[in-house]
Amino acid sequence: MNKVAIVAVAALALGAAACNKNADTNTANETAVENTASTDVNVATNDVTANADAALNAAGNAVENAGNAVDNAAAAVENK
């Protein structure tokens, strides 16, 4: 009976040790996934910001070009 109890305790101890090892691995994997997700979100945010800046610059250039066209048209009318 003592031998059965000792074997049972040893098996439980090994099982507990294995669970703790997996817990550490799972925690490391979860941290890696969270870091990757955070990096993906940061990249997406940077892309959106860069695209918005480019669109704003293009709109500003279009407004400036339209203003120049109006100035050129006015000058052409004056020169007639």
Protein backbone atom coordinates (compact mmCIF):
# COMPACT_ATOMS: atom_id res chain seq x y z
CA MET A 1 0.00 0.00 0.00
CA ASN A 2 2.82 2.38 0.81
CA LYS A 3 4.40 1.72 -2.56
CA VAL A 4 1.12 2.58 -4.32
CA ALA A 5 0.82 5.79 -2.33
CA ILE A 6 4.42 6.75 -3.11
CA VAL A 7 3.91 6.06 -6.83
CA ALA A 8 0.67 8.04 -6.80
CA VAL A 9 2.33 11.01 -5.07
CA ALA A 10 5.25 10.87 -7.49
CA ALA A 11 2.90 10.78 -10.47
CA LEU A 12 0.95 13.73 -9.12
CA ALA A 13 4.16 15.66 -8.49
CA LEU A 14 5.37 15.03 -12.04
CA GLY A 15 1.98 16.05 -13.41
CA ALA A 16 2.04 19.27 -11.39
CA ALA A 17 5.56 20.01 -12.60
CA ALA A 18 4.50 19.43 -16.19
CA CYS A 19 1.52 21.75 -15.78
CA ASN A 20 3.71 24.52 -14.41
CA LYS A 21 6.11 24.14 -17.32
CA ASN A 22 3.23 24.40 -19.79
CA ALA A 23 1.88 27.42 -17.93
CA ASP A 24 5.19 29.22 -18.44
CA THR A 25 5.23 28.28 -22.12
CA ASN A 26 1.61 29.35 -22.53
CA THR A 27 2.35 32.68 -20.85
CA ALA A 28 5.32 33.26 -23.15
CA ASN A 29 3.23 32.39 -26.20
CA GLU A 30 0.41 34.66 -25.07
CA THR A 31 2.85 37.51 -24.54
CA ALA A 32 4.31 36.96 -28.01
CA VAL A 33 0.84 37.03 -29.56
CA GLU A 34 -0.06 40.22 -27.69
CA ASN A 35 3.19 41.90 -28.77
CA THR A 36 2.60 40.91 -32.38
CA ALA A 37 -0.97 42.21 -32.26
CA SER A 38 0.25 45.47 -30.74
CA THR A 39 2.85 45.82 -33.50
CA ASP A 40 0.22 45.15 -36.17
CA VAL A 41 -2.07 47.82 -34.70
CA ASN A 42 0.78 50.33 -34.53
CA VAL A 43 1.72 49.66 -38.16
CA ALA A 44 -1.89 50.02 -39.26
CA THR A 45 -2.22 53.27 -37.34
CA ASN A 46 0.97 54.63 -38.89
CA ASP A 47 -0.24 53.66 -42.39
CA VAL A 48 -3.57 55.39 -41.86
CA THR A 49 -1.87 58.51 -40.56
CA ALA A 50 0.57 58.61 -43.48
CA ASN A 51 -2.26 58.12 -45.98
CA ALA A 52 -4.33 60.85 -44.35
CA ASP A 53 -1.35 63.23 -44.46
CA ALA A 54 -0.77 62.45 -48.13
CA ALA A 55 -4.45 63.03 -48.94
CA LEU A 56 -4.41 66.33 -47.06
CA ASN A 57 -1.28 67.45 -48.93
CA ALA A 58 -2.86 66.49 -52.25
CA ALA A 59 -6.01 68.44 -51.39
CA GLY A 60 -3.92 71.45 -50.38
CA ASN A 61 -2.01 71.27 -53.65
CA ALA A 62 -5.26 71.06 -55.61
CA VAL A 63 -6.62 74.16 -53.86
CA GLU A 64 -3.37 76.02 -54.54
CA ASN A 65 -3.47 74.99 -58.20
CA ALA A 66 -7.06 76.17 -58.48
CA GLY A 67 -6.07 79.51 -56.98
CA ASN A 68 -3.24 79.83 -59.50
CA ALA A 69 -5.63 79.05 -62.34
CA VAL A 70 -7.97 81.81 -61.16
CA ASP A 71 -5.05 84.25 -60.97
CA ASN A 72 -3.94 83.26 -64.47
CA ALA A 73 -7.45 83.68 -65.84
CA ALA A 74 -7.72 87.14 -64.27
CA ALA A 75 -4.37 88.14 -65.74
CA ALA A 76 -5.45 86.88 -69.16
CA VAL A 77 -8.63 88.97 -69.00
CA GLU A 78 -6.60 92.07 -68.06
CA ASN A 79 -4.19 91.54 -70.96
CA LYS A 80 -6.97 91.37 -73.58
